[in-house]
Amino acid sequence: MGRSRSDLPARGPESIRRDLERLGVADGVREELARRLEAMARQLSDEAYDAALAGVALAHALHREGEDALRKSVRDLHQLQHLLGAFSDEMRKLDDALQILTTYVRRMRSRTQPIERAKLLH
C-alpha cells in the first residue's frame, strides 16, 4: 500500500521545474515553486505528486488570469481618465463660449432697450 522512503522517487528541483514547465507554469516562477516544493515532493507518491503539481499549476493559471484582468482594468481606467479629461476640456470650452455669448446678448439687450422705449406710442 504505502511506500517506504526508499521506494519514493528522488525529485530534485530540476525535475520539478521540468514538470511545472510541462504543466504551463511561467518561467519566472518555476524556480521558486520548485525550491518550495522540493522537500514535500520527496515524500509524496506519484499520484499525490502529480495532484500537487496540477494544483500548483491551476493556482498559477488562475493567478495569472487575475493579473491579466487587473492589467486590463488599469488600462481601461487610464483610457477612461483620458476620455473624461478630454470631455472636461470640451465642456470648459463650451462654458467659455456660453459666457461670451451671454455677455454679447446682455450688451445687445442694453443697447436695444432704450430704442424700444422710444418706439412706444402711448
PDB file of N, CA and C in Angstrom:
ATOM      1  N   MET A   1       0.833  -1.182   0.000  1.00  0.00           N
ATOM      2  CA  MET A   1       0.000   0.000   0.000  1.00  0.00           C
ATOM      3  C   MET A   1       0.878   1.245   0.000  1.00  0.00           C
ATOM      4  N   GLY A   2       1.387   1.639   1.198  1.00  0.00           N
ATOM      5  CA  GLY A   2       2.261   2.799   1.266  1.00  0.00           C
ATOM      6  C   GLY A   2       3.674   2.408   0.905  1.00  0.00           C
ATOM      7  N   ARG A   3       4.400   3.355   0.442  1.00  0.00           N
ATOM      8  CA  ARG A   3       5.782   3.103   0.072  1.00  0.00           C
ATOM      9  C   ARG A   3       6.695   3.490   1.215  1.00  0.00           C
ATOM     10  N   SER A   4       7.809   2.816   1.280  1.00  0.00           N
ATOM     11  CA  SER A   4       8.831   3.234   2.244  1.00  0.00           C
ATOM     12  C   SER A   4       9.587   4.395   1.616  1.00  0.00           C
ATOM     13  N   ARG A   5      10.348   5.114   2.412  1.00  0.00           N
ATOM     14  CA  ARG A   5      11.103   6.259   1.904  1.00  0.00           C
ATOM     15  C   ARG A   5      12.035   5.861   0.763  1.00  0.00           C
ATOM     16  N   SER A   6      12.569   4.677   0.815  1.00  0.00           N
ATOM     17  CA  SER A   6      13.488   4.256  -0.237  1.00  0.00           C
ATOM     18  C   SER A   6      12.762   3.964  -1.547  1.00  0.00           C
ATOM     19  N   ASP A   7      11.447   3.660  -1.484  1.00  0.00           N
ATOM     20  CA  ASP A   7      10.673   3.394  -2.703  1.00  0.00           C
ATOM     21  C   ASP A   7      10.235   4.680  -3.407  1.00  0.00           C
ATOM     22  N   LEU A   8      10.230   5.812  -2.673  1.00  0.00           N
ATOM     23  CA  LEU A   8       9.755   7.066  -3.256  1.00  0.00           C
ATOM     24  C   LEU A   8      10.808   7.622  -4.215  1.00  0.00           C
ATOM     25  N   PRO A   9      10.367   8.160  -5.345  1.00  0.00           N
ATOM     26  CA  PRO A   9      11.317   8.693  -6.308  1.00  0.00           C
ATOM     27  C   PRO A   9      12.013   9.940  -5.766  1.00  0.00           C
ATOM     28  N   ALA A  10      13.268  10.091  -6.126  1.00  0.00           N
ATOM     29  CA  ALA A  10      14.002  11.302  -5.747  1.00  0.00           C
ATOM     30  C   ALA A  10      13.599  12.397  -6.724  1.00  0.00           C
ATOM     31  N   ARG A  11      13.029  13.451  -6.207  1.00  0.00           N
ATOM     32  CA  ARG A  11      12.578  14.555  -7.062  1.00  0.00           C
ATOM     33  C   ARG A  11      13.359  15.793  -6.673  1.00  0.00           C
ATOM     34  N   GLY A  12      14.270  16.184  -7.518  1.00  0.00           N
ATOM     35  CA  GLY A  12      15.049  17.384  -7.279  1.00  0.00           C
ATOM     36  C   GLY A  12      14.405  18.592  -7.925  1.00  0.00           C
ATOM     37  N   PRO A  13      14.947  19.750  -7.657  1.00  0.00           N
ATOM     38  CA  PRO A  13      14.353  20.973  -8.199  1.00  0.00           C
ATOM     39  C   PRO A  13      14.298  20.985  -9.730  1.00  0.00           C
ATOM     40  N   GLU A  14      15.296  20.383 -10.380  1.00  0.00           N
ATOM     41  CA  GLU A  14      15.303  20.384 -11.850  1.00  0.00           C
ATOM     42  C   GLU A  14      14.154  19.563 -12.421  1.00  0.00           C
ATOM     43  N   SER A  15      13.892  18.391 -11.840  1.00  0.00           N
ATOM     44  CA  SER A  15      12.781  17.587 -12.357  1.00  0.00           C
ATOM     45  C   SER A  15      11.444  18.252 -12.026  1.00  0.00           C
ATOM     46  N   ILE A  16      11.368  18.909 -10.892  1.00  0.00           N
ATOM     47  CA  ILE A  16      10.131  19.633 -10.539  1.00  0.00           C
ATOM     48  C   ILE A  16       9.930  20.795 -11.509  1.00  0.00           C
ATOM     49  N   ARG A  17      11.008  21.522 -11.821  1.00  0.00           N
ATOM     50  CA  ARG A  17      10.916  22.620 -12.789  1.00  0.00           C
ATOM     51  C   ARG A  17      10.423  22.109 -14.145  1.00  0.00           C
ATOM     52  N   ARG A  18      10.955  20.990 -14.595  1.00  0.00           N
ATOM     53  CA  ARG A  18      10.524  20.419 -15.878  1.00  0.00           C
ATOM     54  C   ARG A  18       9.037  20.050 -15.838  1.00  0.00           C
ATOM     55  N   ASP A  19       8.620  19.445 -14.734  1.00  0.00           N
ATOM     56  CA  ASP A  19       7.206  19.067 -14.603  1.00  0.00           C
ATOM     57  C   ASP A  19       6.312  20.309 -14.582  1.00  0.00           C
ATOM     58  N   LEU A  20       6.759  21.361 -13.888  1.00  0.00           N
ATOM     59  CA  LEU A  20       5.977  22.600 -13.854  1.00  0.00           C
ATOM     60  C   LEU A  20       5.922  23.242 -15.244  1.00  0.00           C
ATOM     61  N   GLU A  21       7.021  23.176 -15.967  1.00  0.00           N
ATOM     62  CA  GLU A  21       7.041  23.719 -17.327  1.00  0.00           C
ATOM     63  C   GLU A  21       6.062  22.950 -18.209  1.00  0.00           C
ATOM     64  N   ARG A  22       6.055  21.635 -18.084  1.00  0.00           N
ATOM     65  CA  ARG A  22       5.138  20.788 -18.848  1.00  0.00           C
ATOM     66  C   ARG A  22       3.676  21.155 -18.560  1.00  0.00           C
ATOM     67  N   LEU A  23       3.424  21.599 -17.334  1.00  0.00           N
ATOM     68  CA  LEU A  23       2.058  21.974 -16.937  1.00  0.00           C
ATOM     69  C   LEU A  23       1.725  23.432 -17.263  1.00  0.00           C
ATOM     70  N   GLY A  24       2.675  24.145 -17.875  1.00  0.00           N
ATOM     71  CA  GLY A  24       2.391  25.513 -18.318  1.00  0.00           C
ATOM     72  C   GLY A  24       2.674  26.604 -17.309  1.00  0.00           C
ATOM     73  N   VAL A  25       3.418  26.296 -16.252  1.00  0.00           N
ATOM     74  CA  VAL A  25       3.749  27.323 -15.263  1.00  0.00           C
ATOM     75  C   VAL A  25       4.831  28.224 -15.869  1.00  0.00           C
ATOM     76  N   ALA A  26       4.668  29.524 -15.726  1.00  0.00           N
ATOM     77  CA  ALA A  26       5.563  30.505 -16.334  1.00  0.00           C
ATOM     78  C   ALA A  26       6.989  30.385 -15.797  1.00  0.00           C
ATOM     79  N   ASP A  27       7.914  30.684 -16.650  1.00  0.00           N
ATOM     80  CA  ASP A  27       9.335  30.573 -16.348  1.00  0.00           C
ATOM     81  C   ASP A  27       9.726  31.394 -15.110  1.00  0.00           C
ATOM     82  N   GLY A  28       9.159  32.562 -14.969  1.00  0.00           N
ATOM     83  CA  GLY A  28       9.533  33.457 -13.879  1.00  0.00           C
ATOM     84  C   GLY A  28       9.270  32.931 -12.479  1.00  0.00           C
ATOM     85  N   VAL A  29       8.349  31.999 -12.341  1.00  0.00           N
ATOM     86  CA  VAL A  29       8.008  31.490 -11.009  1.00  0.00           C
ATOM     87  C   VAL A  29       8.388  30.027 -10.806  1.00  0.00           C
ATOM     88  N   ARG A  30       8.757  29.344 -11.875  1.00  0.00           N
ATOM     89  CA  ARG A  30       9.090  27.911 -11.754  1.00  0.00           C
ATOM     90  C   ARG A  30      10.218  27.657 -10.766  1.00  0.00           C
ATOM     91  N   GLU A  31      11.253  28.469 -10.797  1.00  0.00           N
ATOM     92  CA  GLU A  31      12.418  28.264  -9.913  1.00  0.00           C
ATOM     93  C   GLU A  31      12.003  28.314  -8.443  1.00  0.00           C
ATOM     94  N   GLU A  32      11.254  29.341  -8.097  1.00  0.00           N
ATOM     95  CA  GLU A  32      10.824  29.498  -6.699  1.00  0.00           C
ATOM     96  C   GLU A  32       9.859  28.393  -6.286  1.00  0.00           C
ATOM     97  N   LEU A  33       8.925  28.057  -7.149  1.00  0.00           N
ATOM     98  CA  LEU A  33       7.990  26.972  -6.826  1.00  0.00           C
ATOM     99  C   LEU A  33       8.718  25.642  -6.663  1.00  0.00           C
ATOM    100  N   ALA A  34       9.662  25.365  -7.542  1.00  0.00           N
ATOM    101  CA  ALA A  34      10.422  24.107  -7.441  1.00  0.00           C
ATOM    102  C   ALA A  34      11.183  24.052  -6.126  1.00  0.00           C
ATOM    103  N   ARG A  35      11.766  25.171  -5.737  1.00  0.00           N
ATOM    104  CA  ARG A  35      12.511  25.216  -4.475  1.00  0.00           C
ATOM    105  C   ARG A  35      11.581  24.942  -3.297  1.00  0.00           C
ATOM    106  N   ARG A  36      10.416  25.545  -3.324  1.00  0.00           N
ATOM    107  CA  ARG A  36       9.475  25.370  -2.208  1.00  0.00           C
ATOM    108  C   ARG A  36       8.843  23.983  -2.190  1.00  0.00           C
ATOM    109  N   LEU A  37       8.662  23.372  -3.347  1.00  0.00           N
ATOM    110  CA  LEU A  37       8.021  22.058  -3.429  1.00  0.00           C
ATOM    111  C   LEU A  37       8.987  20.894  -3.217  1.00  0.00           C
ATOM    112  N   GLU A  38      10.265  21.141  -3.313  1.00  0.00           N
ATOM    113  CA  GLU A  38      11.253  20.060  -3.293  1.00  0.00           C
ATOM    114  C   GLU A  38      11.133  19.158  -2.070  1.00  0.00           C
ATOM    115  N   ALA A  39      11.108  19.711  -0.880  1.00  0.00           N
ATOM    116  CA  ALA A  39      11.056  18.895   0.337  1.00  0.00           C
ATOM    117  C   ALA A  39       9.770  18.075   0.408  1.00  0.00           C
ATOM    118  N   MET A  40       8.663  18.686   0.051  1.00  0.00           N
ATOM    119  CA  MET A  40       7.378  17.998   0.103  1.00  0.00           C
ATOM    120  C   MET A  40       7.309  16.919  -0.977  1.00  0.00           C
ATOM    121  N   ALA A  41       7.833  17.219  -2.162  1.00  0.00           N
ATOM    122  CA  ALA A  41       7.723  16.296  -3.295  1.00  0.00           C
ATOM    123  C   ALA A  41       8.414  14.969  -3.030  1.00  0.00           C
ATOM    124  N   ARG A  42       9.447  14.989  -2.254  1.00  0.00           N
ATOM    125  CA  ARG A  42      10.185  13.751  -1.968  1.00  0.00           C
ATOM    126  C   ARG A  42       9.366  12.764  -1.141  1.00  0.00           C
ATOM    127  N   GLN A  43       8.390  13.265  -0.423  1.00  0.00           N
ATOM    128  CA  GLN A  43       7.597  12.410   0.461  1.00  0.00           C
ATOM    129  C   GLN A  43       6.282  11.960  -0.153  1.00  0.00           C
ATOM    130  N   LEU A  44       6.009  12.370  -1.372  1.00  0.00           N
ATOM    131  CA  LEU A  44       4.715  12.073  -1.992  1.00  0.00           C
ATOM    132  C   LEU A  44       4.805  10.890  -2.947  1.00  0.00           C
ATOM    133  N   SER A  45       3.699  10.170  -3.033  1.00  0.00           N
ATOM    134  CA  SER A  45       3.597   9.114  -4.042  1.00  0.00           C
ATOM    135  C   SER A  45       3.491   9.792  -5.407  1.00  0.00           C
ATOM    136  N   ASP A  46       3.600   9.019  -6.462  1.00  0.00           N
ATOM    137  CA  ASP A  46       3.491   9.584  -7.810  1.00  0.00           C
ATOM    138  C   ASP A  46       2.149  10.275  -8.016  1.00  0.00           C
ATOM    139  N   GLU A  47       1.079   9.636  -7.556  1.00  0.00           N
ATOM    140  CA  GLU A  47      -0.254  10.217  -7.726  1.00  0.00           C
ATOM    141  C   GLU A  47      -0.395  11.519  -6.946  1.00  0.00           C
ATOM    142  N   ALA A  48       0.068  11.514  -5.702  1.00  0.00           N
ATOM    143  CA  ALA A  48      -0.021  12.730  -4.876  1.00  0.00           C
ATOM    144  C   ALA A  48       0.859  13.833  -5.449  1.00  0.00           C
ATOM    145  N   TYR A  49       2.029  13.474  -5.942  1.00  0.00           N
ATOM    146  CA  TYR A  49       2.939  14.445  -6.553  1.00  0.00           C
ATOM    147  C   TYR A  49       2.268  15.074  -7.780  1.00  0.00           C
ATOM    148  N   ASP A  50       1.704  14.243  -8.646  1.00  0.00           N
ATOM    149  CA  ASP A  50       1.027  14.750  -9.837  1.00  0.00           C
ATOM    150  C   ASP A  50      -0.137  15.668  -9.459  1.00  0.00           C
ATOM    151  N   ALA A  51      -0.890  15.254  -8.439  1.00  0.00           N
ATOM    152  CA  ALA A  51      -2.027  16.071  -7.991  1.00  0.00           C
ATOM    153  C   ALA A  51      -1.550  17.399  -7.412  1.00  0.00           C
ATOM    154  N   ALA A  52      -0.475  17.360  -6.627  1.00  0.00           N
ATOM    155  CA  ALA A  52       0.062  18.596  -6.037  1.00  0.00           C
ATOM    156  C   ALA A  52       0.529  19.550  -7.132  1.00  0.00           C
ATOM    157  N   LEU A  53       1.262  19.036  -8.115  1.00  0.00           N
ATOM    158  CA  LEU A  53       1.735  19.904  -9.200  1.00  0.00           C
ATOM    159  C   LEU A  53       0.580  20.427 -10.047  1.00  0.00           C
ATOM    160  N   ALA A  54      -0.431  19.583 -10.261  1.00  0.00           N
ATOM    161  CA  ALA A  54      -1.600  20.040 -11.012  1.00  0.00           C
ATOM    162  C   ALA A  54      -2.300  21.175 -10.260  1.00  0.00           C
ATOM    163  N   GLY A  55      -2.383  21.044  -8.941  1.00  0.00           N
ATOM    164  CA  GLY A  55      -2.982  22.110  -8.124  1.00  0.00           C
ATOM    165  C   GLY A  55      -2.177  23.392  -8.185  1.00  0.00           C
ATOM    166  N   VAL A  56      -0.862  23.256  -8.116  1.00  0.00           N
ATOM    167  CA  VAL A  56       0.013  24.431  -8.208  1.00  0.00           C
ATOM    168  C   VAL A  56      -0.149  25.089  -9.578  1.00  0.00           C
ATOM    169  N   ALA A  57      -0.167  24.278 -10.638  1.00  0.00           N
ATOM    170  CA  ALA A  57      -0.317  24.821 -11.993  1.00  0.00           C
ATOM    171  C   ALA A  57      -1.661  25.524 -12.158  1.00  0.00           C
ATOM    172  N   LEU A  58      -2.713  24.943 -11.606  1.00  0.00           N
ATOM    173  CA  LEU A  58      -4.029  25.561 -11.686  1.00  0.00           C
ATOM    174  C   LEU A  58      -4.059  26.880 -10.917  1.00  0.00           C
ATOM    175  N   ALA A  59      -3.503  26.873  -9.710  1.00  0.00           N
ATOM    176  CA  ALA A  59      -3.460  28.101  -8.914  1.00  0.00           C
ATOM    177  C   ALA A  59      -2.665  29.182  -9.643  1.00  0.00           C
ATOM    178  N   HIS A  60      -1.560  28.778 -10.257  1.00  0.00           N
ATOM    179  CA  HIS A  60      -0.752  29.746 -11.002  1.00  0.00           C
ATOM    180  C   HIS A  60      -1.534  30.311 -12.193  1.00  0.00           C
ATOM    181  N   ALA A  61      -2.239  29.443 -12.905  1.00  0.00           N
ATOM    182  CA  ALA A  61      -3.032  29.901 -14.058  1.00  0.00           C
ATOM    183  C   ALA A  61      -4.111  30.887 -13.618  1.00  0.00           C
ATOM    184  N   LEU A  62      -4.780  30.587 -12.510  1.00  0.00           N
ATOM    185  CA  LEU A  62      -5.814  31.496 -12.002  1.00  0.00           C
ATOM    186  C   LEU A  62      -5.216  32.821 -11.571  1.00  0.00           C
ATOM    187  N   HIS A  63      -4.065  32.761 -10.928  1.00  0.00           N
ATOM    188  CA  HIS A  63      -3.384  33.982 -10.503  1.00  0.00           C
ATOM    189  C   HIS A  63      -2.994  34.820 -11.719  1.00  0.00           C
ATOM    190  N   ARG A  64      -2.480  34.167 -12.748  1.00  0.00           N
ATOM    191  CA  ARG A  64      -2.077  34.869 -13.968  1.00  0.00           C
ATOM    192  C   ARG A  64      -3.291  35.511 -14.640  1.00  0.00           C
ATOM    193  N   GLU A  65      -4.407  34.797 -14.662  1.00  0.00           N
ATOM    194  CA  GLU A  65      -5.631  35.368 -15.229  1.00  0.00           C
ATOM    195  C   GLU A  65      -6.059  36.607 -14.446  1.00  0.00           C
ATOM    196  N   GLY A  66      -5.943  36.524 -13.114  1.00  0.00           N
ATOM    197  CA  GLY A  66      -6.277  37.682 -12.281  1.00  0.00           C
ATOM    198  C   GLY A  66      -5.360  38.861 -12.567  1.00  0.00           C
ATOM    199  N   GLU A  67      -4.080  38.582 -12.737  1.00  0.00           N
ATOM    200  CA  GLU A  67      -3.131  39.651 -13.066  1.00  0.00           C
ATOM    201  C   GLU A  67      -3.457  40.258 -14.425  1.00  0.00           C
ATOM    202  N   ASP A  68      -3.788  39.416 -15.401  1.00  0.00           N
ATOM    203  CA  ASP A  68      -4.148  39.910 -16.731  1.00  0.00           C
ATOM    204  C   ASP A  68      -5.396  40.783 -16.659  1.00  0.00           C
ATOM    205  N   ALA A  69      -6.380  40.346 -15.884  1.00  0.00           N
ATOM    206  CA  ALA A  69      -7.608  41.126 -15.732  1.00  0.00           C
ATOM    207  C   ALA A  69      -7.321  42.461 -15.049  1.00  0.00           C
ATOM    208  N   LEU A  70      -6.435  42.434 -14.062  1.00  0.00           N
ATOM    209  CA  LEU A  70      -6.066  43.674 -13.378  1.00  0.00           C
ATOM    210  C   LEU A  70      -5.368  44.628 -14.337  1.00  0.00           C
ATOM    211  N   ARG A  71      -4.434  44.112 -15.142  1.00  0.00           N
ATOM    212  CA  ARG A  71      -3.748  44.963 -16.121  1.00  0.00           C
ATOM    213  C   ARG A  71      -4.741  45.565 -17.108  1.00  0.00           C
ATOM    214  N   LYS A  72      -5.704  44.749 -17.551  1.00  0.00           N
ATOM    215  CA  LYS A  72      -6.711  45.261 -18.486  1.00  0.00           C
ATOM    216  C   LYS A  72      -7.564  46.336 -17.815  1.00  0.00           C
ATOM    217  N   SER A  73      -7.926  46.114 -16.557  1.00  0.00           N
ATOM    218  CA  SER A  73      -8.723  47.105 -15.829  1.00  0.00           C
ATOM    219  C   SER A  73      -7.959  48.414 -15.666  1.00  0.00           C
ATOM    220  N   VAL A  74      -6.678  48.311 -15.368  1.00  0.00           N
ATOM    221  CA  VAL A  74      -5.860  49.520 -15.215  1.00  0.00           C
ATOM    222  C   VAL A  74      -5.770  50.253 -16.549  1.00  0.00           C
ATOM    223  N   ARG A  75      -5.577  49.495 -17.634  1.00  0.00           N
ATOM    224  CA  ARG A  75      -5.516  50.093 -18.971  1.00  0.00           C
ATOM    225  C   ARG A  75      -6.847  50.778 -19.297  1.00  0.00           C
ATOM    226  N   ASP A  76      -7.956  50.107 -18.996  1.00  0.00           N
ATOM    227  CA  ASP A  76      -9.277  50.687 -19.237  1.00  0.00           C
ATOM    228  C   ASP A  76      -9.483  51.944 -18.401  1.00  0.00           C
ATOM    229  N   LEU A  77      -9.009  51.914 -17.167  1.00  0.00           N
ATOM    230  CA  LEU A  77      -9.138  53.072 -16.292  1.00  0.00           C
ATOM    231  C   LEU A  77      -8.365  54.262 -16.852  1.00  0.00           C
ATOM    232  N   HIS A  78      -7.155  54.025 -17.352  1.00  0.00           N
ATOM    233  CA  HIS A  78      -6.360  55.115 -17.937  1.00  0.00           C
ATOM    234  C   HIS A  78      -7.054  55.686 -19.171  1.00  0.00           C
ATOM    235  N   GLN A  79      -7.633  54.806 -19.993  1.00  0.00           N
ATOM    236  CA  GLN A  79      -8.354  55.285 -21.172  1.00  0.00           C
ATOM    237  C   GLN A  79      -9.565  56.109 -20.766  1.00  0.00           C
ATOM    238  N   LEU A  80     -10.284  55.643 -19.756  1.00  0.00           N
ATOM    239  CA  LEU A  80     -11.452  56.369 -19.272  1.00  0.00           C
ATOM    240  C   LEU A  80     -11.056  57.730 -18.705  1.00  0.00           C
ATOM    241  N   GLN A  81      -9.956  57.765 -17.943  1.00  0.00           N
ATOM    242  CA  GLN A  81      -9.478  59.043 -17.414  1.00  0.00           C
ATOM    243  C   GLN A  81      -9.118  59.996 -18.547  1.00  0.00           C
ATOM    244  N   HIS A  82      -8.489  59.464 -19.585  1.00  0.00           N
ATOM    245  CA  HIS A  82      -8.130  60.294 -20.733  1.00  0.00           C
ATOM    246  C   HIS A  82      -9.387  60.850 -21.409  1.00  0.00           C
ATOM    247  N   LEU A  83     -10.386  59.972 -21.621  1.00  0.00           N
ATOM    248  CA  LEU A  83     -11.626  60.406 -22.261  1.00  0.00           C
ATOM    249  C   LEU A  83     -12.355  61.450 -21.415  1.00  0.00           C
ATOM    250  N   LEU A  84     -12.404  61.217 -20.108  1.00  0.00           N
ATOM    251  CA  LEU A  84     -13.077  62.183 -19.229  1.00  0.00           C
ATOM    252  C   LEU A  84     -12.326  63.510 -19.190  1.00  0.00           C
ATOM    253  N   GLY A  85     -10.993  63.444 -19.247  1.00  0.00           N
ATOM    254  CA  GLY A  85     -10.205  64.675 -19.303  1.00  0.00           C
ATOM    255  C   GLY A  85     -10.494  65.448 -20.574  1.00  0.00           C
ATOM    256  N   ALA A  86     -10.559  64.751 -21.709  1.00  0.00           N
ATOM    257  CA  ALA A  86     -10.873  65.399 -22.984  1.00  0.00           C
ATOM    258  C   ALA A  86     -12.291  65.969 -22.955  1.00  0.00           C
ATOM    259  N   PHE A  87     -13.238  65.209 -22.382  1.00  0.00           N
ATOM    260  CA  PHE A  87     -14.613  65.689 -22.269  1.00  0.00           C
ATOM    261  C   PHE A  87     -14.669  66.938 -21.395  1.00  0.00           C
ATOM    262  N   SER A  88     -13.939  66.924 -20.313  1.00  0.00           N
ATOM    263  CA  SER A  88     -13.896  68.072 -19.413  1.00  0.00           C
ATOM    264  C   SER A  88     -13.335  69.309 -20.123  1.00  0.00           C
ATOM    265  N   ASP A  89     -12.299  69.114 -20.924  1.00  0.00           N
ATOM    266  CA  ASP A  89     -11.736  70.229 -21.689  1.00  0.00           C
ATOM    267  C   ASP A  89     -12.762  70.804 -22.660  1.00  0.00           C
ATOM    268  N   GLU A  90     -13.494  69.925 -23.326  1.00  0.00           N
ATOM    269  CA  GLU A  90     -14.524  70.382 -24.268  1.00  0.00           C
ATOM    270  C   GLU A  90     -15.653  71.107 -23.536  1.00  0.00           C
ATOM    271  N   MET A  91     -16.031  70.610 -22.373  1.00  0.00           N
ATOM    272  CA  MET A  91     -17.068  71.289 -21.580  1.00  0.00           C
ATOM    273  C   MET A  91     -16.598  72.678 -21.147  1.00  0.00           C
ATOM    274  N   ARG A  92     -15.330  72.791 -20.791  1.00  0.00           N
ATOM    275  CA  ARG A  92     -14.761  74.084 -20.414  1.00  0.00           C
ATOM    276  C   ARG A  92     -14.832  75.054 -21.599  1.00  0.00           C
ATOM    277  N   LYS A  93     -14.513  74.553 -22.799  1.00  0.00           N
ATOM    278  CA  LYS A  93     -14.586  75.397 -23.995  1.00  0.00           C
ATOM    279  C   LYS A  93     -16.022  75.844 -24.251  1.00  0.00           C
ATOM    280  N   LEU A  94     -16.973  74.918 -24.088  1.00  0.00           N
ATOM    281  CA  LEU A  94     -18.381  75.283 -24.261  1.00  0.00           C
ATOM    282  C   LEU A  94     -18.819  76.317 -23.228  1.00  0.00           C
ATOM    283  N   ASP A  95     -18.362  76.138 -22.003  1.00  0.00           N
ATOM    284  CA  ASP A  95     -18.697  77.096 -20.943  1.00  0.00           C
ATOM    285  C   ASP A  95     -18.142  78.475 -21.288  1.00  0.00           C
ATOM    286  N   ASP A  96     -16.900  78.511 -21.766  1.00  0.00           N
ATOM    287  CA  ASP A  96     -16.304  79.800 -22.167  1.00  0.00           C
ATOM    288  C   ASP A  96     -17.109  80.431 -23.299  1.00  0.00           C
ATOM    289  N   ALA A  97     -17.502  79.615 -24.292  1.00  0.00           N
ATOM    290  CA  ALA A  97     -18.289  80.141 -25.411  1.00  0.00           C
ATOM    291  C   ALA A  97     -19.645  80.650 -24.928  1.00  0.00           C
ATOM    292  N   LEU A  98     -20.273  79.946 -23.999  1.00  0.00           N
ATOM    293  CA  LEU A  98     -21.564  80.407 -23.459  1.00  0.00           C
ATOM    294  C   LEU A  98     -21.415  81.707 -22.684  1.00  0.00           C
ATOM    295  N   GLN A  99     -20.338  81.850 -21.962  1.00  0.00           N
ATOM    296  CA  GLN A  99     -20.105  83.106 -21.237  1.00  0.00           C
ATOM    297  C   GLN A  99     -19.924  84.261 -22.212  1.00  0.00           C
ATOM    298  N   ILE A 100     -19.207  84.026 -23.294  1.00  0.00           N
ATOM    299  CA  ILE A 100     -19.025  85.068 -24.310  1.00  0.00           C
ATOM    300  C   ILE A 100     -20.365  85.423 -24.943  1.00  0.00           C
ATOM    301  N   LEU A 101     -21.157  84.410 -25.275  1.00  0.00           N
ATOM    302  CA  LEU A 101     -22.484  84.659 -25.860  1.00  0.00           C
ATOM    303  C   LEU A 101     -23.397  85.388 -24.881  1.00  0.00           C
ATOM    304  N   THR A 102     -23.336  85.010 -23.618  1.00  0.00           N
ATOM    305  CA  THR A 102     -24.154  85.664 -22.599  1.00  0.00           C
ATOM    306  C   THR A 102     -23.788  87.146 -22.501  1.00  0.00           C
ATOM    307  N   THR A 103     -22.495  87.423 -22.478  1.00  0.00           N
ATOM    308  CA  THR A 103     -22.027  88.810 -22.424  1.00  0.00           C
ATOM    309  C   THR A 103     -22.495  89.572 -23.653  1.00  0.00           C
ATOM    310  N   TYR A 104     -22.407  88.966 -24.819  1.00  0.00           N
ATOM    311  CA  TYR A 104     -22.840  89.595 -26.063  1.00  0.00           C
ATOM    312  C   TYR A 104     -24.335  89.892 -26.030  1.00  0.00           C
ATOM    313  N   VAL A 105     -25.135  88.916 -25.583  1.00  0.00           N
ATOM    314  CA  VAL A 105     -26.588  89.104 -25.520  1.00  0.00           C
ATOM    315  C   VAL A 105     -26.930  90.220 -24.537  1.00  0.00           C
ATOM    316  N   ARG A 106     -26.263  90.281 -23.411  1.00  0.00           N
ATOM    317  CA  ARG A 106     -26.516  91.363 -22.432  1.00  0.00           C
ATOM    318  C   ARG A 106     -26.206  92.732 -23.035  1.00  0.00           C
ATOM    319  N   ARG A 107     -25.113  92.820 -23.754  1.00  0.00           N
ATOM    320  CA  ARG A 107     -24.761  94.100 -24.402  1.00  0.00           C
ATOM    321  C   ARG A 107     -25.809  94.481 -25.433  1.00  0.00           C
ATOM    322  N   MET A 108     -26.230  93.496 -26.211  1.00  0.00           N
ATOM    323  CA  MET A 108     -27.241  93.780 -27.229  1.00  0.00           C
ATOM    324  C   MET A 108     -28.549  94.231 -26.587  1.00  0.00           C
ATOM    325  N   ARG A 109     -28.926  93.605 -25.490  1.00  0.00           N
ATOM    326  CA  ARG A 109     -30.172  93.999 -24.804  1.00  0.00           C
ATOM    327  C   ARG A 109     -30.052  95.415 -24.256  1.00  0.00           C
ATOM    328  N   SER A 110     -28.892  95.702 -23.679  1.00  0.00           N
ATOM    329  CA  SER A 110     -28.743  97.047 -23.090  1.00  0.00           C
ATOM    330  C   SER A 110     -28.754  98.115 -24.180  1.00  0.00           C
ATOM    331  N   ARG A 111     -28.326  97.806 -25.366  1.00  0.00           N
ATOM    332  CA  ARG A 111     -28.341  98.767 -26.477  1.00  0.00           C
ATOM    333  C   ARG A 111     -29.731  98.892 -27.099  1.00  0.00           C
ATOM    334  N   THR A 112     -30.485  97.829 -27.106  1.00  0.00           N
ATOM    335  CA  THR A 112     -31.787  97.861 -27.769  1.00  0.00           C
ATOM    336  C   THR A 112     -32.906  98.325 -26.854  1.00  0.00           C
ATOM    337  N   GLN A 113     -32.759  98.236 -25.556  1.00  0.00           N
ATOM    338  CA  GLN A 113     -33.840  98.628 -24.642  1.00  0.00           C
ATOM    339  C   GLN A 113     -34.185 100.116 -24.764  1.00  0.00           C
ATOM    340  N   PRO A 114     -33.233 101.011 -24.789  1.00  0.00           N
ATOM    341  CA  PRO A 114     -33.650 102.439 -24.950  1.00  0.00           C
ATOM    342  C   PRO A 114     -34.349 102.699 -26.288  1.00  0.00           C
ATOM    343  N   ILE A 115     -33.963 102.033 -27.310  1.00  0.00           N
ATOM    344  CA  ILE A 115     -34.585 102.220 -28.607  1.00  0.00           C
ATOM    345  C   ILE A 115     -36.022 101.709 -28.559  1.00  0.00           C
ATOM    346  N   GLU A 116     -36.238 100.608 -27.929  1.00  0.00           N
ATOM    347  CA  GLU A 116     -37.580 100.041 -27.828  1.00  0.00           C
ATOM    348  C   GLU A 116     -38.489 100.961 -27.034  1.00  0.00           C
ATOM    349  N   ARG A 117     -37.969 101.593 -26.012  1.00  0.00           N
ATOM    350  CA  ARG A 117     -38.805 102.515 -25.223  1.00  0.00           C
ATOM    351  C   ARG A 117     -39.210 103.723 -26.066  1.00  0.00           C
ATOM    352  N   ALA A 118     -38.318 104.136 -26.885  1.00  0.00           N
ATOM    353  CA  ALA A 118     -38.630 105.295 -27.729  1.00  0.00           C
ATOM    354  C   ALA A 118     -39.715 104.966 -28.762  1.00  0.00           C
ATOM    355  N   LYS A 119     -39.836 103.737 -29.120  1.00  0.00           N
ATOM    356  CA  LYS A 119     -40.830 103.313 -30.090  1.00  0.00           C
ATOM    357  C   LYS A 119     -42.231 103.197 -29.491  1.00  0.00           C
ATOM    358  N   LEU A 120     -42.326 103.226 -28.174  1.00  0.00           N
ATOM    359  CA  LEU A 120     -43.643 103.117 -27.545  1.00  0.00           C
ATOM    360  C   LEU A 120     -44.495 104.328 -27.914  1.00  0.00           C
ATOM    361  N   LEU A 121     -45.711 104.076 -28.282  1.00  0.00           N
ATOM    362  CA  LEU A 121     -46.570 105.148 -28.746  1.00  0.00           C
ATOM    363  C   LEU A 121     -47.503 105.677 -27.665  1.00  0.00           C
ATOM    364  N   HIS A 122     -47.690 105.057 -26.593  1.00  0.00           N
ATOM    365  CA  HIS A 122     -48.650 105.584 -25.637  1.00  0.00           C
ATOM    366  C   HIS A 122     -48.015 106.488 -24.695  1.00  0.00           C
TER     367      HIS A 122
END
